[in-house]
Structures are given as structure tokens and as C-alpha cells.
């Protein structure tokens, strides 16, 4: 749903997805939820990507209320306005359930441009 929205918001541009970065981001989100990931550990996990790409990205954490709130949160980051013709995107979502139907939603979103 969020990937479709980003492509919709970028209707005049080709939207390329970097699957490798997405896999790395996906591994980090449960650790962020558990509070067991330091900034140094996060940078270390992303170092392989950062050797080849300029990476701009961040995790977003929120309580789930409805899909439109999540979509608006991603839209408000303006990640979709990247106009570099070589830009690639990475996005992943992790949802952690808690008692009483409480859901912690983590979204990691980023843009990547190749280093030359």
C-alpha cells in the first residue's frame, strides 16, 4: 500500500525500489521496537549500502489508528519529491502487536543515489 502511494505521488517519475536496502531495513525494525539497536549498530548494518550509495532515510514509529494516518505520516516526510533521475527508494514496514489490540507500526523509508 505505501509503495503504491509513493509511486502514485511520483506519477511523473519512474520509481525504482532497492530491494537489498529494504531487506537490511527490515532486519533493523524489530530491534528498534525492542530498544536494542544503537545508532552505531544501525550505521554498521547500513555500511554496505552506504559504501555504494548516498542514503537518506529514517524509521518512523507510531501507534496504529488507521491506514490514512500512516499514509499521511509518510507523505509528510516528502521522501517522494526526490527528483534525481537515478534515485532509488527503500521502504519496509514492521508491526508489533501488544495486548488490547494495540499495534506498534514501524516504517523505514529512504532514498538512495549511487556514489560516483
PDB file of N, CA and C in Angstrom:
ATOM      1  N   UNK A   1       0.817  -1.186   0.000  1.00  0.00           N
ATOM      2  CA  UNK A   1       0.000   0.000   0.000  1.00  0.00           C
ATOM      3  C   UNK A   1       0.875   1.269   0.000  1.00  0.00           C
ATOM      4  N   UNK A   2       1.876   1.334   0.885  1.00  0.00           N
ATOM      5  CA  UNK A   2       2.723   2.532   0.932  1.00  0.00           C
ATOM      6  C   UNK A   2       3.596   2.665  -0.306  1.00  0.00           C
ATOM      7  N   UNK A   3       4.090   1.551  -0.814  1.00  0.00           N
ATOM      8  CA  UNK A   3       4.892   1.617  -2.043  1.00  0.00           C
ATOM      9  C   UNK A   3       4.030   2.133  -3.190  1.00  0.00           C
ATOM     10  N   UNK A   4       2.810   1.650  -3.264  1.00  0.00           N
ATOM     11  CA  UNK A   4       1.890   2.128  -4.306  1.00  0.00           C
ATOM     12  C   UNK A   4       1.634   3.618  -4.158  1.00  0.00           C
ATOM     13  N   UNK A   5       1.491   4.083  -2.928  1.00  0.00           N
ATOM     14  CA  UNK A   5       1.245   5.512  -2.697  1.00  0.00           C
ATOM     15  C   UNK A   5       2.442   6.354  -3.135  1.00  0.00           C
ATOM     16  N   UNK A   6       3.640   5.906  -2.803  1.00  0.00           N
ATOM     17  CA  UNK A   6       4.833   6.671  -3.213  1.00  0.00           C
ATOM     18  C   UNK A   6       4.900   6.747  -4.728  1.00  0.00           C
ATOM     19  N   UNK A   7       4.628   5.635  -5.410  1.00  0.00           N
ATOM     20  CA  UNK A   7       4.636   5.655  -6.880  1.00  0.00           C
ATOM     21  C   UNK A   7       3.534   6.571  -7.415  1.00  0.00           C
ATOM     22  N   UNK A   8       2.401   6.593  -6.766  1.00  0.00           N
ATOM     23  CA  UNK A   8       1.297   7.482  -7.163  1.00  0.00           C
ATOM     24  C   UNK A   8       1.694   8.945  -6.985  1.00  0.00           C
ATOM     25  N   UNK A   9       2.337   9.267  -5.879  1.00  0.00           N
ATOM     26  CA  UNK A   9       2.762  10.642  -5.615  1.00  0.00           C
ATOM     27  C   UNK A   9       3.849  11.093  -6.584  1.00  0.00           C
ATOM     28  N   UNK A  10       4.540  10.139  -7.195  1.00  0.00           N
ATOM     29  CA  UNK A  10       5.623  10.426  -8.147  1.00  0.00           C
ATOM     30  C   UNK A  10       5.186  10.102  -9.571  1.00  0.00           C
ATOM     31  N   UNK A  11       3.966  10.327  -9.889  1.00  0.00           N
ATOM     32  CA  UNK A  11       3.405   9.882 -11.166  1.00  0.00           C
ATOM     33  C   UNK A  11       4.191  10.346 -12.396  1.00  0.00           C
ATOM     34  N   UNK A  12       4.927  11.428 -12.316  1.00  0.00           N
ATOM     35  CA  UNK A  12       5.695  11.918 -13.472  1.00  0.00           C
ATOM     36  C   UNK A  12       7.111  11.349 -13.525  1.00  0.00           C
ATOM     37  N   UNK A  13       7.467  10.526 -12.532  1.00  0.00           N
ATOM     38  CA  UNK A  13       8.830   9.992 -12.446  1.00  0.00           C
ATOM     39  C   UNK A  13       8.790   8.471 -12.322  1.00  0.00           C
ATOM     40  N   UNK A  14       9.822   7.840 -12.814  1.00  0.00           N
ATOM     41  CA  UNK A  14       9.985   6.406 -12.601  1.00  0.00           C
ATOM     42  C   UNK A  14      10.402   6.209 -11.145  1.00  0.00           C
ATOM     43  N   UNK A  15       9.798   5.249 -10.481  1.00  0.00           N
ATOM     44  CA  UNK A  15      10.137   4.956  -9.090  1.00  0.00           C
ATOM     45  C   UNK A  15      10.800   3.586  -9.034  1.00  0.00           C
ATOM     46  N   UNK A  16      12.094   3.581  -8.715  1.00  0.00           N
ATOM     47  CA  UNK A  16      12.857   2.342  -8.616  1.00  0.00           C
ATOM     48  C   UNK A  16      13.001   1.964  -7.146  1.00  0.00           C
ATOM     49  N   UNK A  17      12.879   0.673  -6.864  1.00  0.00           N
ATOM     50  CA  UNK A  17      12.967   0.182  -5.492  1.00  0.00           C
ATOM     51  C   UNK A  17      14.255  -0.610  -5.305  1.00  0.00           C
ATOM     52  N   UNK A  18      14.962  -0.329  -4.230  1.00  0.00           N
ATOM     53  CA  UNK A  18      16.195  -1.032  -3.909  1.00  0.00           C
ATOM     54  C   UNK A  18      15.854  -2.136  -2.908  1.00  0.00           C
ATOM     55  N   UNK A  19      15.783  -3.352  -3.408  1.00  0.00           N
ATOM     56  CA  UNK A  19      15.372  -4.480  -2.571  1.00  0.00           C
ATOM     57  C   UNK A  19      16.413  -4.843  -1.516  1.00  0.00           C
ATOM     58  N   UNK A  20      17.678  -4.694  -1.857  1.00  0.00           N
ATOM     59  CA  UNK A  20      18.734  -5.036  -0.897  1.00  0.00           C
ATOM     60  C   UNK A  20      18.657  -4.142   0.339  1.00  0.00           C
ATOM     61  N   UNK A  21      18.493  -2.866   0.125  1.00  0.00           N
ATOM     62  CA  UNK A  21      18.370  -1.941   1.254  1.00  0.00           C
ATOM     63  C   UNK A  21      17.104  -2.251   2.057  1.00  0.00           C
ATOM     64  N   UNK A  22      16.059  -2.599   1.366  1.00  0.00           N
ATOM     65  CA  UNK A  22      14.795  -2.939   2.032  1.00  0.00           C
ATOM     66  C   UNK A  22      14.992  -4.124   2.981  1.00  0.00           C
ATOM     67  N   UNK A  23      15.732  -5.137   2.541  1.00  0.00           N
ATOM     68  CA  UNK A  23      15.986  -6.311   3.383  1.00  0.00           C
ATOM     69  C   UNK A  23      16.742  -5.911   4.645  1.00  0.00           C
ATOM     70  N   UNK A  24      17.749  -5.069   4.495  1.00  0.00           N
ATOM     71  CA  UNK A  24      18.529  -4.621   5.657  1.00  0.00           C
ATOM     72  C   UNK A  24      17.650  -3.816   6.605  1.00  0.00           C
ATOM     73  N   UNK A  25      16.870  -2.894   6.063  1.00  0.00           N
ATOM     74  CA  UNK A  25      15.979  -2.091   6.900  1.00  0.00           C
ATOM     75  C   UNK A  25      14.988  -2.977   7.654  1.00  0.00           C
ATOM     76  N   UNK A  26      14.486  -3.989   6.968  1.00  0.00           N
ATOM     77  CA  UNK A  26      13.502  -4.888   7.576  1.00  0.00           C
ATOM     78  C   UNK A  26      14.085  -5.617   8.775  1.00  0.00           C
ATOM     79  N   UNK A  27      15.367  -5.943   8.722  1.00  0.00           N
ATOM     80  CA  UNK A  27      16.027  -6.627   9.841  1.00  0.00           C
ATOM     81  C   UNK A  27      16.213  -5.699  11.045  1.00  0.00           C
ATOM     82  N   UNK A  28      16.281  -4.401  10.793  1.00  0.00           N
ATOM     83  CA  UNK A  28      16.526  -3.443  11.871  1.00  0.00           C
ATOM     84  C   UNK A  28      15.268  -3.104  12.671  1.00  0.00           C
ATOM     85  N   UNK A  29      14.116  -3.137  12.043  1.00  0.00           N
ATOM     86  CA  UNK A  29      12.900  -2.658  12.697  1.00  0.00           C
ATOM     87  C   UNK A  29      12.523  -3.426  13.969  1.00  0.00           C
ATOM     88  N   UNK A  30      12.562  -4.758  13.999  1.00  0.00           N
ATOM     89  CA  UNK A  30      12.250  -5.437  15.266  1.00  0.00           C
ATOM     90  C   UNK A  30      13.229  -5.069  16.389  1.00  0.00           C
ATOM     91  N   UNK A  31      14.479  -4.817  16.013  1.00  0.00           N
ATOM     92  CA  UNK A  31      15.470  -4.414  17.014  1.00  0.00           C
ATOM     93  C   UNK A  31      15.163  -3.016  17.546  1.00  0.00           C
ATOM     94  N   UNK A  32      14.680  -2.142  16.675  1.00  0.00           N
ATOM     95  CA  UNK A  32      14.282  -0.811  17.119  1.00  0.00           C
ATOM     96  C   UNK A  32      13.095  -0.902  18.077  1.00  0.00           C
ATOM     97  N   UNK A  33      12.143  -1.755  17.763  1.00  0.00           N
ATOM     98  CA  UNK A  33      10.977  -1.937  18.644  1.00  0.00           C
ATOM     99  C   UNK A  33      11.421  -2.438  20.014  1.00  0.00           C
ATOM    100  N   UNK A  34      12.369  -3.359  20.033  1.00  0.00           N
ATOM    101  CA  UNK A  34      12.857  -3.928  21.288  1.00  0.00           C
ATOM    102  C   UNK A  34      13.771  -2.964  22.048  1.00  0.00           C
ATOM    103  N   UNK A  35      14.170  -1.875  21.384  1.00  0.00           N
ATOM    104  CA  UNK A  35      15.064  -0.914  22.028  1.00  0.00           C
ATOM    105  C   UNK A  35      16.485  -1.413  22.140  1.00  0.00           C
ATOM    106  N   UNK A  36      16.844  -2.379  21.299  1.00  0.00           N
ATOM    107  CA  UNK A  36      18.163  -2.993  21.409  1.00  0.00           C
ATOM    108  C   UNK A  36      19.112  -2.600  20.285  1.00  0.00           C
ATOM    109  N   UNK A  37      18.794  -1.535  19.568  1.00  0.00           N
ATOM    110  CA  UNK A  37      19.632  -1.134  18.439  1.00  0.00           C
ATOM    111  C   UNK A  37      20.171   0.277  18.672  1.00  0.00           C
ATOM    112  N   UNK A  38      21.477   0.380  18.807  1.00  0.00           N
ATOM    113  CA  UNK A  38      22.107   1.686  18.978  1.00  0.00           C
ATOM    114  C   UNK A  38      22.293   2.349  17.612  1.00  0.00           C
ATOM    115  N   UNK A  39      22.566   3.636  17.623  1.00  0.00           N
ATOM    116  CA  UNK A  39      22.853   4.349  16.379  1.00  0.00           C
ATOM    117  C   UNK A  39      24.065   3.731  15.683  1.00  0.00           C
ATOM    118  N   UNK A  40      25.052   3.333  16.475  1.00  0.00           N
ATOM    119  CA  UNK A  40      26.250   2.727  15.910  1.00  0.00           C
ATOM    120  C   UNK A  40      25.921   1.400  15.221  1.00  0.00           C
ATOM    121  N   UNK A  41      25.069   0.595  15.863  1.00  0.00           N
ATOM    122  CA  UNK A  41      24.665  -0.687  15.272  1.00  0.00           C
ATOM    123  C   UNK A  41      23.879  -0.460  13.974  1.00  0.00           C
ATOM    124  N   UNK A  42      23.051   0.565  13.989  1.00  0.00           N
ATOM    125  CA  UNK A  42      22.266   0.887  12.792  1.00  0.00           C
ATOM    126  C   UNK A  42      23.185   1.305  11.647  1.00  0.00           C
ATOM    127  N   UNK A  43      24.154   2.140  11.946  1.00  0.00           N
ATOM    128  CA  UNK A  43      25.100   2.585  10.924  1.00  0.00           C
ATOM    129  C   UNK A  43      25.939   1.407  10.423  1.00  0.00           C
ATOM    130  N   UNK A  44      26.321   0.523  11.311  1.00  0.00           N
ATOM    131  CA  UNK A  44      27.103  -0.644  10.922  1.00  0.00           C
ATOM    132  C   UNK A  44      26.296  -1.538   9.973  1.00  0.00           C
ATOM    133  N   UNK A  45      25.016  -1.737  10.272  1.00  0.00           N
ATOM    134  CA  UNK A  45      24.167  -2.568   9.420  1.00  0.00           C
ATOM    135  C   UNK A  45      23.993  -1.953   8.037  1.00  0.00           C
ATOM    136  N   UNK A  46      23.978  -0.642   7.977  1.00  0.00           N
ATOM    137  CA  UNK A  46      23.775   0.058   6.705  1.00  0.00           C
ATOM    138  C   UNK A  46      25.080   0.347   5.969  1.00  0.00           C
ATOM    139  N   UNK A  47      26.219  -0.003   6.556  1.00  0.00           N
ATOM    140  CA  UNK A  47      27.506   0.380   5.967  1.00  0.00           C
ATOM    141  C   UNK A  47      27.709  -0.195   4.566  1.00  0.00           C
ATOM    142  N   UNK A  48      27.260  -1.406   4.321  1.00  0.00           N
ATOM    143  CA  UNK A  48      27.414  -1.985   2.986  1.00  0.00           C
ATOM    144  C   UNK A  48      26.684  -1.144   1.938  1.00  0.00           C
ATOM    145  N   UNK A  49      25.486  -0.726   2.268  1.00  0.00           N
ATOM    146  CA  UNK A  49      24.712   0.129   1.358  1.00  0.00           C
ATOM    147  C   UNK A  49      25.407   1.476   1.206  1.00  0.00           C
ATOM    148  N   UNK A  50      25.867   2.028   2.318  1.00  0.00           N
ATOM    149  CA  UNK A  50      26.445   3.371   2.303  1.00  0.00           C
ATOM    150  C   UNK A  50      27.799   3.419   1.610  1.00  0.00           C
ATOM    151  N   UNK A  51      28.424   2.267   1.369  1.00  0.00           N
ATOM    152  CA  UNK A  51      29.661   2.244   0.595  1.00  0.00           C
ATOM    153  C   UNK A  51      29.390   2.573  -0.869  1.00  0.00           C
ATOM    154  N   UNK A  52      28.202   2.239  -1.350  1.00  0.00           N
ATOM    155  CA  UNK A  52      27.864   2.431  -2.763  1.00  0.00           C
ATOM    156  C   UNK A  52      26.857   3.540  -3.014  1.00  0.00           C
ATOM    157  N   UNK A  53      26.116   3.923  -1.985  1.00  0.00           N
ATOM    158  CA  UNK A  53      25.025   4.883  -2.153  1.00  0.00           C
ATOM    159  C   UNK A  53      25.083   5.986  -1.114  1.00  0.00           C
ATOM    160  N   UNK A  54      24.575   7.154  -1.498  1.00  0.00           N
ATOM    161  CA  UNK A  54      24.241   8.190  -0.534  1.00  0.00           C
ATOM    162  C   UNK A  54      22.844   7.819  -0.059  1.00  0.00           C
ATOM    163  N   UNK A  55      22.692   7.610   1.233  1.00  0.00           N
ATOM    164  CA  UNK A  55      21.429   7.157   1.795  1.00  0.00           C
ATOM    165  C   UNK A  55      20.839   8.235   2.678  1.00  0.00           C
ATOM    166  N   UNK A  56      19.604   8.566   2.408  1.00  0.00           N
ATOM    167  CA  UNK A  56      18.850   9.461   3.267  1.00  0.00           C
ATOM    168  C   UNK A  56      17.602   8.703   3.679  1.00  0.00           C
ATOM    169  N   UNK A  57      17.463   8.465   4.956  1.00  0.00           N
ATOM    170  CA  UNK A  57      16.306   7.710   5.393  1.00  0.00           C
ATOM    171  C   UNK A  57      16.201   7.688   6.900  1.00  0.00           C
ATOM    172  N   UNK A  58      15.084   7.159   7.375  1.00  0.00           N
ATOM    173  CA  UNK A  58      14.828   7.154   8.806  1.00  0.00           C
ATOM    174  C   UNK A  58      13.645   6.241   9.110  1.00  0.00           C
ATOM    175  N   UNK A  59      13.601   5.765  10.344  1.00  0.00           N
ATOM    176  CA  UNK A  59      12.445   4.995  10.771  1.00  0.00           C
ATOM    177  C   UNK A  59      11.376   5.920  11.369  1.00  0.00           C
ATOM    178  N   UNK A  60      10.151   5.536  11.187  1.00  0.00           N
ATOM    179  CA  UNK A  60       9.002   6.232  11.785  1.00  0.00           C
ATOM    180  C   UNK A  60       8.301   5.202  12.666  1.00  0.00           C
ATOM    181  N   UNK A  61       7.951   5.588  13.885  1.00  0.00           N
ATOM    182  CA  UNK A  61       7.204   4.699  14.775  1.00  0.00           C
ATOM    183  C   UNK A  61       5.941   5.399  15.228  1.00  0.00           C
ATOM    184  N   UNK A  62       4.832   4.673  15.153  1.00  0.00           N
ATOM    185  CA  UNK A  62       3.554   5.229  15.588  1.00  0.00           C
ATOM    186  C   UNK A  62       2.621   4.113  16.015  1.00  0.00           C
ATOM    187  N   UNK A  63       1.658   4.463  16.788  1.00  0.00           N
ATOM    188  CA  UNK A  63       0.602   3.530  17.146  1.00  0.00           C
ATOM    189  C   UNK A  63      -0.369   3.466  15.984  1.00  0.00           C
ATOM    190  N   UNK A  64      -0.816   2.264  15.644  1.00  0.00           N
ATOM    191  CA  UNK A  64      -1.768   2.143  14.534  1.00  0.00           C
ATOM    192  C   UNK A  64      -3.127   2.675  14.958  1.00  0.00           C
ATOM    193  N   UNK A  65      -3.653   3.575  14.154  1.00  0.00           N
ATOM    194  CA  UNK A  65      -5.035   4.037  14.354  1.00  0.00           C
ATOM    195  C   UNK A  65      -5.849   3.733  13.103  1.00  0.00           C
ATOM    196  N   UNK A  66      -5.280   4.097  11.940  1.00  0.00           N
ATOM    197  CA  UNK A  66      -5.908   3.758  10.661  1.00  0.00           C
ATOM    198  C   UNK A  66      -4.873   3.949   9.547  1.00  0.00           C
ATOM    199  N   UNK A  67      -5.167   3.367   8.399  1.00  0.00           N
ATOM    200  CA  UNK A  67      -4.208   3.402   7.284  1.00  0.00           C
ATOM    201  C   UNK A  67      -3.959   4.820   6.795  1.00  0.00           C
ATOM    202  N   UNK A  68      -4.983   5.652   6.791  1.00  0.00           N
ATOM    203  CA  UNK A  68      -4.805   7.010   6.268  1.00  0.00           C
ATOM    204  C   UNK A  68      -3.823   7.821   7.118  1.00  0.00           C
ATOM    205  N   UNK A  69      -3.777   7.584   8.412  1.00  0.00           N
ATOM    206  CA  UNK A  69      -2.828   8.284   9.279  1.00  0.00           C
ATOM    207  C   UNK A  69      -1.396   7.866   8.944  1.00  0.00           C
ATOM    208  N   UNK A  70      -1.196   6.595   8.683  1.00  0.00           N
ATOM    209  CA  UNK A  70       0.135   6.101   8.310  1.00  0.00           C
ATOM    210  C   UNK A  70       0.547   6.683   6.962  1.00  0.00           C
ATOM    211  N   UNK A  71      -0.356   6.668   6.006  1.00  0.00           N
ATOM    212  CA  UNK A  71      -0.071   7.229   4.680  1.00  0.00           C
ATOM    213  C   UNK A  71       0.294   8.703   4.796  1.00  0.00           C
ATOM    214  N   UNK A  72      -0.458   9.443   5.593  1.00  0.00           N
ATOM    215  CA  UNK A  72      -0.189  10.879   5.767  1.00  0.00           C
ATOM    216  C   UNK A  72       1.173  11.105   6.432  1.00  0.00           C
ATOM    217  N   UNK A  73       1.537  10.247   7.355  1.00  0.00           N
ATOM    218  CA  UNK A  73       2.843  10.382   8.016  1.00  0.00           C
ATOM    219  C   UNK A  73       3.983  10.202   7.029  1.00  0.00           C
ATOM    220  N   UNK A  74       3.871   9.226   6.140  1.00  0.00           N
ATOM    221  CA  UNK A  74       4.907   9.018   5.130  1.00  0.00           C
ATOM    222  C   UNK A  74       4.897  10.169   4.126  1.00  0.00           C
ATOM    223  N   UNK A  75       3.727  10.605   3.711  1.00  0.00           N
ATOM    224  CA  UNK A  75       3.618  11.719   2.762  1.00  0.00           C
ATOM    225  C   UNK A  75       4.277  12.979   3.329  1.00  0.00           C
ATOM    226  N   UNK A  76       4.070  13.226   4.619  1.00  0.00           N
ATOM    227  CA  UNK A  76       4.597  14.452   5.234  1.00  0.00           C
ATOM    228  C   UNK A  76       6.119  14.474   5.301  1.00  0.00           C
ATOM    229  N   UNK A  77       6.783  13.341   5.093  1.00  0.00           N
ATOM    230  CA  UNK A  77       8.251  13.327   5.075  1.00  0.00           C
ATOM    231  C   UNK A  77       8.807  13.914   3.783  1.00  0.00           C
ATOM    232  N   UNK A  78       7.979  14.000   2.746  1.00  0.00           N
ATOM    233  CA  UNK A  78       8.377  14.493   1.426  1.00  0.00           C
ATOM    234  C   UNK A  78       9.439  13.631   0.756  1.00  0.00           C
ATOM    235  N   UNK A  79       9.562  12.388   1.184  1.00  0.00           N
ATOM    236  CA  UNK A  79      10.542  11.495   0.563  1.00  0.00           C
ATOM    237  C   UNK A  79      10.232  11.317  -0.921  1.00  0.00           C
ATOM    238  N   UNK A  80       8.998  11.432  -1.294  1.00  0.00           N
ATOM    239  CA  UNK A  80       8.565  11.214  -2.676  1.00  0.00           C
ATOM    240  C   UNK A  80       8.953  12.338  -3.629  1.00  0.00           C
ATOM    241  N   UNK A  81       9.407  13.473  -3.124  1.00  0.00           N
ATOM    242  CA  UNK A  81       9.715  14.605  -4.003  1.00  0.00           C
ATOM    243  C   UNK A  81      11.117  14.538  -4.606  1.00  0.00           C
ATOM    244  N   UNK A  82      11.866  13.500  -4.283  1.00  0.00           N
ATOM    245  CA  UNK A  82      13.204  13.341  -4.859  1.00  0.00           C
ATOM    246  C   UNK A  82      13.103  13.309  -6.379  1.00  0.00           C
ATOM    247  N   UNK A  83      13.835  14.197  -7.050  1.00  0.00           N
ATOM    248  CA  UNK A  83      13.718  14.318  -8.498  1.00  0.00           C
ATOM    249  C   UNK A  83      14.929  13.823  -9.270  1.00  0.00           C
ATOM    250  N   UNK A  84      15.967  13.391  -8.585  1.00  0.00           N
ATOM    251  CA  UNK A  84      17.128  12.834  -9.264  1.00  0.00           C
ATOM    252  C   UNK A  84      16.667  11.656 -10.120  1.00  0.00           C
ATOM    253  N   UNK A  85      17.060  11.626 -11.373  1.00  0.00           N
ATOM    254  CA  UNK A  85      16.592  10.562 -12.272  1.00  0.00           C
ATOM    255  C   UNK A  85      17.147   9.196 -11.890  1.00  0.00           C
ATOM    256  N   UNK A  86      18.198   9.163 -11.081  1.00  0.00           N
ATOM    257  CA  UNK A  86      18.810   7.894 -10.671  1.00  0.00           C
ATOM    258  C   UNK A  86      18.425   7.476  -9.247  1.00  0.00           C
ATOM    259  N   UNK A  87      17.524   8.208  -8.621  1.00  0.00           N
ATOM    260  CA  UNK A  87      17.159   7.902  -7.238  1.00  0.00           C
ATOM    261  C   UNK A  87      16.458   6.548  -7.151  1.00  0.00           C
ATOM    262  N   UNK A  88      16.772   5.842  -6.083  1.00  0.00           N
ATOM    263  CA  UNK A  88      16.100   4.588  -5.761  1.00  0.00           C
ATOM    264  C   UNK A  88      15.468   4.759  -4.379  1.00  0.00           C
ATOM    265  N   UNK A  89      14.435   3.994  -4.129  1.00  0.00           N
ATOM    266  CA  UNK A  89      13.712   4.091  -2.868  1.00  0.00           C
ATOM    267  C   UNK A  89      13.778   2.771  -2.127  1.00  0.00           C
ATOM    268  N   UNK A  90      13.702   2.850  -0.810  1.00  0.00           N
ATOM    269  CA  UNK A  90      13.601   1.662   0.032  1.00  0.00           C
ATOM    270  C   UNK A  90      12.518   1.934   1.065  1.00  0.00           C
ATOM    271  N   UNK A  91      11.692   0.946   1.278  1.00  0.00           N
ATOM    272  CA  UNK A  91      10.608   1.097   2.243  1.00  0.00           C
ATOM    273  C   UNK A  91      10.256  -0.273   2.799  1.00  0.00           C
ATOM    274  N   UNK A  92      10.108  -0.334   4.096  1.00  0.00           N
ATOM    275  CA  UNK A  92       9.641  -1.556   4.727  1.00  0.00           C
ATOM    276  C   UNK A  92       8.820  -1.213   5.957  1.00  0.00           C
ATOM    277  N   UNK A  93       7.972  -2.150   6.343  1.00  0.00           N
ATOM    278  CA  UNK A  93       7.062  -1.944   7.471  1.00  0.00           C
ATOM    279  C   UNK A  93       7.156  -3.146   8.398  1.00  0.00           C
ATOM    280  N   UNK A  94       7.118  -2.870   9.694  1.00  0.00           N
ATOM    281  CA  UNK A  94       7.067  -3.912  10.710  1.00  0.00           C
ATOM    282  C   UNK A  94       5.974  -3.522  11.695  1.00  0.00           C
ATOM    283  N   UNK A  95       5.139  -4.469  12.045  1.00  0.00           N
ATOM    284  CA  UNK A  95       4.055  -4.221  13.002  1.00  0.00           C
ATOM    285  C   UNK A  95       4.225  -5.181  14.171  1.00  0.00           C
ATOM    286  N   UNK A  96       4.289  -4.611  15.370  1.00  0.00           N
ATOM    287  CA  UNK A  96       4.439  -5.418  16.576  1.00  0.00           C
ATOM    288  C   UNK A  96       3.153  -5.317  17.394  1.00  0.00           C
ATOM    289  N   UNK A  97       2.524  -6.480  17.662  1.00  0.00           N
ATOM    290  CA  UNK A  97       1.272  -6.455  18.428  1.00  0.00           C
ATOM    291  C   UNK A  97       1.518  -6.399  19.939  1.00  0.00           C
ATOM    292  N   UNK A  98       0.611  -5.719  20.621  1.00  0.00           N
ATOM    293  CA  UNK A  98       0.590  -5.657  22.077  1.00  0.00           C
ATOM    294  C   UNK A  98      -0.812  -6.018  22.546  1.00  0.00           C
ATOM    295  N   UNK A  99      -0.958  -6.295  23.843  1.00  0.00           N
ATOM    296  CA  UNK A  99      -2.299  -6.612  24.358  1.00  0.00           C
ATOM    297  C   UNK A  99      -3.294  -5.473  24.105  1.00  0.00           C
ATOM    298  N   UNK A 100      -4.560  -5.813  24.146  1.00  0.00           N
ATOM    299  CA  UNK A 100      -5.669  -4.860  23.979  1.00  0.00           C
ATOM    300  C   UNK A 100      -5.698  -4.236  22.594  1.00  0.00           C
ATOM    301  N   UNK A 101      -5.311  -5.015  21.598  1.00  0.00           N
ATOM    302  CA  UNK A 101      -5.373  -4.570  20.204  1.00  0.00           C
ATOM    303  C   UNK A 101      -4.535  -3.332  19.907  1.00  0.00           C
ATOM    304  N   UNK A 102      -3.432  -3.188  20.600  1.00  0.00           N
ATOM    305  CA  UNK A 102      -2.507  -2.083  20.344  1.00  0.00           C
ATOM    306  C   UNK A 102      -1.442  -2.594  19.373  1.00  0.00           C
ATOM    307  N   UNK A 103      -1.210  -1.843  18.312  1.00  0.00           N
ATOM    308  CA  UNK A 103      -0.210  -2.200  17.311  1.00  0.00           C
ATOM    309  C   UNK A 103       0.821  -1.081  17.201  1.00  0.00           C
ATOM    310  N   UNK A 104       2.076  -1.451  17.324  1.00  0.00           N
ATOM    311  CA  UNK A 104       3.174  -0.522  17.116  1.00  0.00           C
ATOM    312  C   UNK A 104       3.626  -0.680  15.667  1.00  0.00           C
ATOM    313  N   UNK A 105       3.526   0.375  14.891  1.00  0.00           N
ATOM    314  CA  UNK A 105       3.870   0.338  13.471  1.00  0.00           C
ATOM    315  C   UNK A 105       5.204   1.048  13.270  1.00  0.00           C
ATOM    316  N   UNK A 106       6.124   0.333  12.626  1.00  0.00           N
ATOM    317  CA  UNK A 106       7.417   0.894  12.259  1.00  0.00           C
ATOM    318  C   UNK A 106       7.502   0.952  10.746  1.00  0.00           C
ATOM    319  N   UNK A 107       7.904   2.091  10.233  1.00  0.00           N
ATOM    320  CA  UNK A 107       8.098   2.281   8.798  1.00  0.00           C
ATOM    321  C   UNK A 107       9.511   2.814   8.616  1.00  0.00           C
ATOM    322  N   UNK A 108      10.295   2.131   7.805  1.00  0.00           N
ATOM    323  CA  UNK A 108      11.630   2.626   7.474  1.00  0.00           C
ATOM    324  C   UNK A 108      11.573   3.037   6.014  1.00  0.00           C
ATOM    325  N   UNK A 109      11.860   4.292   5.744  1.00  0.00           N
ATOM    326  CA  UNK A 109      11.778   4.817   4.389  1.00  0.00           C
ATOM    327  C   UNK A 109      13.067   5.556   4.066  1.00  0.00           C
ATOM    328  N   UNK A 110      13.513   5.421   2.822  1.00  0.00           N
ATOM    329  CA  UNK A 110      14.745   6.103   2.444  1.00  0.00           C
ATOM    330  C   UNK A 110      14.900   6.255   0.951  1.00  0.00           C
ATOM    331  N   UNK A 111      15.808   7.147   0.589  1.00  0.00           N
ATOM    332  CA  UNK A 111      16.192   7.325  -0.814  1.00  0.00           C
ATOM    333  C   UNK A 111      17.681   7.039  -0.926  1.00  0.00           C
ATOM    334  N   UNK A 112      18.046   6.491  -2.074  1.00  0.00           N
ATOM    335  CA  UNK A 112      19.438   6.134  -2.335  1.00  0.00           C
ATOM    336  C   UNK A 112      19.838   6.685  -3.689  1.00  0.00           C
ATOM    337  N   UNK A 113      21.021   7.282  -3.751  1.00  0.00           N
ATOM    338  CA  UNK A 113      21.596   7.683  -5.032  1.00  0.00           C
ATOM    339  C   UNK A 113      23.016   7.141  -5.080  1.00  0.00           C
ATOM    340  N   UNK A 114      23.388   6.593  -6.238  1.00  0.00           N
ATOM    341  CA  UNK A 114      24.710   5.984  -6.401  1.00  0.00           C
ATOM    342  C   UNK A 114      25.808   7.016  -6.195  1.00  0.00           C
ATOM    343  N   UNK A 115      26.884   6.581  -5.547  1.00  0.00           N
ATOM    344  CA  UNK A 115      28.077   7.405  -5.422  1.00  0.00           C
ATOM    345  C   UNK A 115      28.868   7.250  -6.710  1.00  0.00           C
ATOM    346  N   UNK A 116      29.444   8.346  -7.181  1.00  0.00           N
ATOM    347  CA  UNK A 116      30.238   8.287  -8.405  1.00  0.00           C
ATOM    348  C   UNK A 116      31.674   8.545  -8.124  1.00  0.00           C
TER     349      UNK A 116
END
